[in-house]
Amino acid sequence: MKKNKFGLIGAAGYVAPRHMRAIKDTGNILNAALDPFDSVGIIDSYFPESSFFTETERFERHIDKMRRSGKGLDYLSICSPNYLHDSHIRLGLRNDCEVICEKPLVINPKNVKYLKLLEKESGRKINNILQLRLHESVIDLKQSINNNKVYDIELTYITSRGKWYDYSWKSNISKSGGLSMNIGIHFFDMLMWIFGPPLENVVFLKENKTIFGFLKLERANIKWLLSIDGELLRQNKISKKMYRSIKIGKKEFEFSHGFEDLHTKSYVEILKGGGFGIDDLSPSLELASKINKSKIHQAPNNFSHPLLRYLR
């Protein structure tokens, strides 16, 4: 059985080990990795023989030589900061690679059309990691939904971030796309996949660390809160560093477990010729962008979120 040759951009990041594991678990090889930071000892756990580069120019020269010698990469996996995804996708397509990219593909949805043109010209596919669509509990939920009913949903995701966050690219909205792109897009994609396209989108609070709003989908009315403010957890006496909750009506939708192998499942589908393409992600990308650009509205008196009390 042929072993596919992979390249990886963003080897020092939080999500990179999941990609390394997925490459290994599917019986393939990581040939070359790139990251400006050299604290990448995690590679030794998976592919100690992989070439490693801290400069994009030298990495691209290396994979170009491989391509010209007839031993080019088959896939390029991208885990770099969001604002670099577009450039790194182009790098992959130029070097005749199938691309696997974390969300969001781009921060500005207008750039999607150019990626689609490059995809067509290269004959290679840009694959998105939409791992929540492969979560068993999410699949079961989708199958249980009555398409003739409109559901009331409350989405809450709070994860505490330390002072380092203020100095990282993630806190810079021009580089990360803000909370709606960096965190929200995962949940928006999942909910739209289950409950249909957006009909209305209103934002009531938009701060550096917390955003709160209302989203009306074809089959759901969603009150949502996204935050990286640990004070929300402390003030509400939540001892965990992460609080994740989706309530459908009065019932809590439980999907805290089952995340361990979702990237591997994603790779299995991609390697079979399936996977999720540009058009699959585009609706949630558009929505996250609109949330970023939305004006702040005054929330109705009867519309609030219990965990926002201390901000009021």
Protein backbone atom coordinates (compact mmCIF):
# COMPACT_ATOMS: atom_id res chain seq x y z
CA MET A 1 0.00 0.00 0.00
CA LYS A 2 1.39 3.39 -1.01
CA LYS A 3 2.41 5.75 1.79
CA ASN A 4 1.50 9.34 1.02
CA LYS A 5 4.13 11.99 1.63
CA PHE A 6 2.97 14.92 3.77
CA GLY A 7 4.29 18.38 4.53
CA LEU A 8 3.13 20.34 7.58
CA ILE A 9 3.08 24.11 8.12
CA GLY A 10 2.60 25.21 11.71
CA ALA A 11 4.33 22.37 13.58
CA ALA A 12 4.67 24.20 16.91
CA GLY A 13 1.01 25.11 17.28
CA TYR A 14 -1.69 23.70 19.55
CA VAL A 15 -3.45 21.67 16.87
CA ALA A 16 -0.36 20.36 15.01
CA PRO A 17 0.01 17.14 17.09
CA ARG A 18 -3.49 16.09 16.02
CA HIS A 19 -2.39 16.34 12.40
CA MET A 20 0.85 14.46 13.07
CA ARG A 21 -1.12 11.71 14.78
CA ALA A 22 -3.61 11.59 11.90
CA ILE A 23 -0.79 11.27 9.35
CA LYS A 24 0.77 8.44 11.37
CA ASP A 25 -2.51 6.68 12.20
CA THR A 26 -3.44 6.56 8.50
CA GLY A 27 -0.11 4.92 7.64
CA ASN A 28 1.52 7.87 5.94
CA ILE A 29 4.77 9.84 6.31
CA LEU A 30 5.62 13.41 7.32
CA ASN A 31 8.54 14.37 5.08
CA ALA A 32 8.93 18.07 5.89
CA ALA A 33 7.66 20.51 8.50
CA LEU A 34 7.81 24.29 8.82
CA ASP A 35 7.47 26.64 11.78
CA PRO A 36 9.31 29.88 12.65
CA PHE A 37 9.55 28.56 16.22
CA ASP A 38 11.91 25.67 16.79
CA SER A 39 10.27 24.22 19.93
CA VAL A 40 8.89 21.26 18.01
CA GLY A 41 10.16 18.26 19.96
CA ILE A 42 6.67 16.79 19.56
CA ILE A 43 7.75 15.73 16.05
CA ASP A 44 10.01 13.10 17.67
CA SER A 45 6.92 11.30 18.96
CA TYR A 46 5.67 10.79 15.42
CA PHE A 47 8.23 11.44 12.68
CA PRO A 48 11.76 12.02 14.00
CA GLU A 49 13.20 11.67 10.48
CA SER A 50 11.13 14.54 9.09
CA SER A 51 13.04 17.49 7.64
CA PHE A 52 12.37 20.71 9.53
CA PHE A 53 12.59 24.37 8.51
CA THR A 54 12.09 27.68 10.28
CA GLU A 55 12.01 29.75 7.06
CA THR A 56 9.27 29.51 4.45
CA GLU A 57 11.69 30.17 1.59
CA ARG A 58 13.90 27.19 2.49
CA PHE A 59 10.87 24.96 3.09
CA GLU A 60 9.42 25.82 -0.31
CA ARG A 61 12.79 25.30 -2.01
CA HIS A 62 12.98 21.85 -0.41
CA ILE A 63 9.54 20.70 -1.50
CA ASP A 64 10.05 22.22 -4.97
CA LYS A 65 13.20 20.11 -5.37
CA MET A 66 11.25 17.05 -4.26
CA ARG A 67 8.56 17.80 -6.84
CA ARG A 68 11.04 18.31 -9.67
CA SER A 69 12.79 15.03 -8.84
CA GLY A 70 9.50 13.15 -9.13
CA LYS A 71 9.28 12.59 -5.37
CA GLY A 72 7.02 15.50 -4.49
CA LEU A 73 4.66 15.78 -1.55
CA ASP A 74 1.18 14.38 -1.98
CA TYR A 75 -0.44 16.52 0.73
CA LEU A 76 0.32 19.75 2.57
CA SER A 77 -1.36 20.18 5.96
CA ILE A 78 -1.76 23.76 7.21
CA CYS A 79 -1.98 24.68 10.90
CA SER A 80 -0.46 28.16 10.67
CA PRO A 81 -2.05 31.38 12.03
CA ASN A 82 -5.34 32.17 10.31
CA TYR A 83 -4.11 35.18 8.34
CA LEU A 84 -1.44 33.02 6.67
CA HIS A 85 -3.74 30.21 5.54
CA ASP A 86 -4.42 31.83 2.18
CA SER A 87 -0.70 32.19 1.38
CA HIS A 88 0.16 28.68 2.55
CA ILE A 89 -2.70 27.14 0.57
CA ARG A 90 -1.27 28.83 -2.53
CA LEU A 91 2.17 27.45 -1.68
CA GLY A 92 0.71 23.94 -1.55
CA LEU A 93 -1.18 24.23 -4.82
CA ARG A 94 1.89 25.67 -6.58
CA ASN A 95 3.79 22.57 -5.53
CA ASP A 96 1.17 20.16 -6.82
CA CYS A 97 -0.14 19.18 -3.38
CA GLU A 98 -3.59 18.33 -2.17
CA VAL A 99 -4.19 20.73 0.71
CA ILE A 100 -5.63 20.06 4.17
CA CYS A 101 -6.30 23.28 6.08
CA GLU A 102 -7.65 24.16 9.50
CA LYS A 103 -10.54 26.62 9.77
CA PRO A 104 -10.90 29.34 8.68
CA LEU A 105 -9.52 29.02 5.16
CA VAL A 106 -9.38 32.80 4.89
CA ILE A 107 -10.37 35.72 7.11
CA ASN A 108 -11.94 37.68 4.25
CA PRO A 109 -14.62 35.63 2.43
CA LYS A 110 -13.91 37.63 -0.76
CA ASN A 111 -10.67 35.68 -1.13
CA VAL A 112 -12.53 32.38 -1.44
CA LYS A 113 -13.23 32.93 -5.14
CA TYR A 114 -9.51 33.26 -5.86
CA LEU A 115 -8.77 30.03 -4.04
CA LYS A 116 -11.47 28.29 -6.08
CA LEU A 117 -9.83 29.54 -9.28
CA LEU A 118 -6.41 28.30 -8.13
CA GLU A 119 -7.94 24.98 -7.11
CA LYS A 120 -9.41 24.58 -10.59
CA GLU A 121 -6.17 25.60 -12.32
CA SER A 122 -4.04 23.23 -10.23
CA GLY A 123 -6.41 20.27 -10.39
CA ARG A 124 -5.86 19.81 -6.65
CA LYS A 125 -8.42 20.02 -3.85
CA ILE A 126 -8.45 22.29 -0.80
CA ASN A 127 -9.83 20.25 2.09
CA ASN A 128 -11.24 21.76 5.28
CA ILE A 129 -11.05 20.22 8.72
CA LEU A 130 -14.71 20.31 9.84
CA GLN A 131 -14.21 17.76 12.58
CA LEU A 132 -17.45 18.37 14.51
CA ARG A 133 -19.40 17.01 11.54
CA LEU A 134 -17.68 13.67 12.21
CA HIS A 135 -18.46 13.57 15.94
CA GLU A 136 -20.81 10.67 16.63
CA SER A 137 -23.04 12.67 18.97
CA VAL A 138 -23.37 15.46 16.41
CA ILE A 139 -24.24 12.98 13.66
CA ASP A 140 -26.85 11.38 15.93
CA LEU A 141 -28.31 14.81 16.70
CA LYS A 142 -28.58 15.69 13.00
CA GLN A 143 -30.39 12.42 12.31
CA SER A 144 -32.84 13.02 15.18
CA ILE A 145 -33.90 16.52 14.12
CA ASN A 146 -37.46 17.07 12.95
CA ASN A 147 -37.07 19.21 9.83
CA ASN A 148 -40.58 20.63 10.30
CA LYS A 149 -39.80 22.04 13.74
CA VAL A 150 -37.99 25.18 14.93
CA TYR A 151 -35.78 24.58 17.99
CA ASP A 152 -34.70 27.02 20.71
CA ILE A 153 -30.98 26.66 21.37
CA GLU A 154 -28.52 28.24 23.79
CA LEU A 155 -24.84 27.91 22.84
CA THR A 156 -22.22 28.83 25.45
CA TYR A 157 -18.48 28.42 25.02
CA ILE A 158 -16.10 29.98 27.53
CA THR A 159 -12.43 29.06 27.68
CA SER A 160 -10.04 30.90 29.98
CA ARG A 161 -6.94 32.39 28.36
CA GLY A 162 -3.93 33.80 30.22
CA LYS A 163 -2.02 37.04 29.67
CA TRP A 164 0.00 35.45 26.84
CA TYR A 165 -3.12 35.63 24.67
CA ASP A 166 -2.95 39.43 24.58
CA TYR A 167 0.49 39.22 22.96
CA SER A 168 -0.28 36.47 20.46
CA TRP A 169 -1.64 36.70 16.93
CA LYS A 170 -4.94 35.27 18.21
CA SER A 171 -5.78 38.54 20.00
CA ASN A 172 -5.22 40.56 16.81
CA ILE A 173 -8.50 40.55 14.87
CA SER A 174 -6.70 41.32 11.60
CA LYS A 175 -4.68 38.12 12.03
CA SER A 176 -7.17 35.76 13.70
CA GLY A 177 -10.52 37.11 12.56
CA GLY A 178 -11.54 37.52 16.20
CA LEU A 179 -13.57 35.16 18.36
CA SER A 180 -16.19 34.54 15.71
CA MET A 181 -13.55 33.19 13.27
CA ASN A 182 -11.10 31.64 15.70
CA ILE A 183 -13.63 29.85 17.93
CA GLY A 184 -17.19 30.49 16.78
CA ILE A 185 -16.80 29.17 13.24
CA HIS A 186 -16.51 25.59 14.57
CA PHE A 187 -19.91 25.80 16.25
CA PHE A 188 -21.58 27.93 13.58
CA ASP A 189 -20.63 25.37 10.95
CA MET A 190 -21.96 22.51 13.07
CA LEU A 191 -25.27 24.24 13.84
CA MET A 192 -25.85 25.35 10.24
CA TRP A 193 -25.08 21.82 9.04
CA ILE A 194 -27.83 20.52 11.32
CA PHE A 195 -30.42 23.33 11.41
CA GLY A 196 -30.07 25.01 8.03
CA PRO A 197 -28.93 28.36 6.62
CA PRO A 198 -28.99 31.67 8.54
CA LEU A 199 -32.01 33.95 8.23
CA GLU A 200 -31.13 36.60 10.83
CA ASN A 201 -28.00 37.58 12.73
CA VAL A 202 -27.88 40.17 15.56
CA VAL A 203 -24.94 41.01 17.85
CA PHE A 204 -25.63 42.47 21.33
CA LEU A 205 -22.14 42.50 22.84
CA LYS A 206 -18.76 42.60 21.10
CA GLU A 207 -15.65 43.04 23.20
CA ASN A 208 -12.08 41.77 22.83
CA LYS A 209 -12.78 38.76 25.03
CA THR A 210 -16.54 38.23 24.79
CA ILE A 211 -19.20 38.32 22.08
CA PHE A 212 -22.91 37.63 22.51
CA GLY A 213 -25.75 37.54 20.03
CA PHE A 214 -28.74 35.91 18.39
CA LEU A 215 -28.78 33.75 15.28
CA LYS A 216 -31.91 32.58 13.51
CA LEU A 217 -31.47 29.54 11.30
CA GLU A 218 -34.05 27.81 9.14
CA ARG A 219 -34.88 25.39 11.96
CA ALA A 220 -33.43 27.04 15.07
CA ASN A 221 -33.40 30.22 17.15
CA ILE A 222 -29.97 30.41 18.79
CA LYS A 223 -28.80 32.53 21.70
CA TRP A 224 -25.00 32.30 21.65
CA LEU A 225 -22.11 33.43 23.85
CA LEU A 226 -18.40 33.03 23.06
CA SER A 227 -15.71 34.16 25.48
CA ILE A 228 -12.08 33.75 26.51
CA ASP A 229 -12.66 35.76 29.71
CA GLY A 230 -11.82 33.60 32.74
CA GLU A 231 -13.57 36.16 34.95
CA LEU A 232 -16.88 34.93 33.56
CA LEU A 233 -16.09 31.50 34.96
CA ARG A 234 -14.91 32.80 38.34
CA GLN A 235 -17.86 35.15 38.83
CA ASN A 236 -20.26 32.34 38.03
CA LYS A 237 -18.41 29.90 40.35
CA ILE A 238 -17.48 27.54 37.51
CA SER A 239 -14.32 25.74 38.58
CA LYS A 240 -13.38 24.40 35.15
CA LYS A 241 -11.10 26.34 32.76
CA MET A 242 -13.48 25.56 29.92
CA TYR A 243 -17.27 25.63 29.91
CA ARG A 244 -19.03 24.26 26.84
CA SER A 245 -22.79 23.93 26.70
CA ILE A 246 -25.43 23.52 24.02
CA LYS A 247 -29.02 23.43 25.27
CA ILE A 248 -31.75 22.39 22.87
CA GLY A 249 -34.95 23.46 24.54
CA LYS A 250 -34.43 22.42 28.16
CA LYS A 251 -32.22 19.46 27.27
CA GLU A 252 -28.44 19.65 27.46
CA PHE A 253 -26.72 18.30 24.34
CA GLU A 254 -23.70 16.39 25.61
CA PHE A 255 -20.63 16.13 23.39
CA SER A 256 -17.75 16.62 25.82
CA HIS A 257 -16.07 13.37 24.79
CA GLY A 258 -15.14 11.81 21.48
CA PHE A 259 -12.79 14.54 20.22
CA GLU A 260 -9.60 12.50 20.45
CA ASP A 261 -9.61 10.96 16.97
CA LEU A 262 -11.69 13.41 14.93
CA HIS A 263 -8.68 14.65 12.94
CA THR A 264 -7.77 11.06 12.12
CA LYS A 265 -11.34 10.47 10.94
CA SER A 266 -11.05 13.63 8.83
CA TYR A 267 -7.86 12.35 7.21
CA VAL A 268 -9.41 8.94 6.51
CA GLU A 269 -12.25 10.62 4.61
CA ILE A 270 -9.89 12.94 2.71
CA LEU A 271 -7.58 10.09 1.71
CA LYS A 272 -10.60 8.19 0.35
CA GLY A 273 -11.37 11.17 -1.90
CA GLY A 274 -14.11 12.54 0.34
CA GLY A 275 -13.67 15.26 2.92
CA PHE A 276 -15.10 18.77 3.00
CA GLY A 277 -14.29 21.33 0.34
CA ILE A 278 -14.44 25.11 0.04
CA ASP A 279 -18.21 25.21 -0.52
CA ASP A 280 -18.83 23.27 2.70
CA LEU A 281 -17.11 25.91 4.84
CA SER A 282 -18.20 29.05 2.95
CA PRO A 283 -21.57 29.60 4.76
CA SER A 284 -20.00 29.63 8.24
CA LEU A 285 -17.11 31.76 6.95
CA GLU A 286 -19.58 34.32 5.64
CA LEU A 287 -21.51 34.29 8.91
CA ALA A 288 -18.40 34.75 11.08
CA SER A 289 -17.32 37.66 8.88
CA LYS A 290 -20.74 39.31 9.18
CA ILE A 291 -20.61 38.98 12.97
CA ASN A 292 -17.25 40.76 12.95
CA LYS A 293 -18.70 43.62 10.90
CA SER A 294 -22.07 43.80 12.68
CA LYS A 295 -23.17 46.89 14.54
CA ILE A 296 -24.02 46.40 18.20
CA HIS A 297 -27.75 46.31 18.94
CA GLN A 298 -29.55 46.84 22.23
CA ALA A 299 -30.76 43.49 23.50
CA PRO A 300 -34.49 43.27 24.28
CA ASN A 301 -35.33 43.38 27.99
CA ASN A 302 -36.30 39.72 28.01
CA PHE A 303 -33.17 38.62 26.15
CA SER A 304 -30.07 37.97 28.25
CA HIS A 305 -27.57 35.30 29.17
CA PRO A 306 -27.30 34.16 32.81
CA LEU A 307 -23.49 34.02 32.72
CA LEU A 308 -23.20 37.68 31.65
CA ARG A 309 -24.61 39.09 34.86
CA TYR A 310 -21.38 40.56 36.17
CA LEU A 311 -20.86 42.53 32.94
CA ARG A 312 -24.24 44.21 33.23
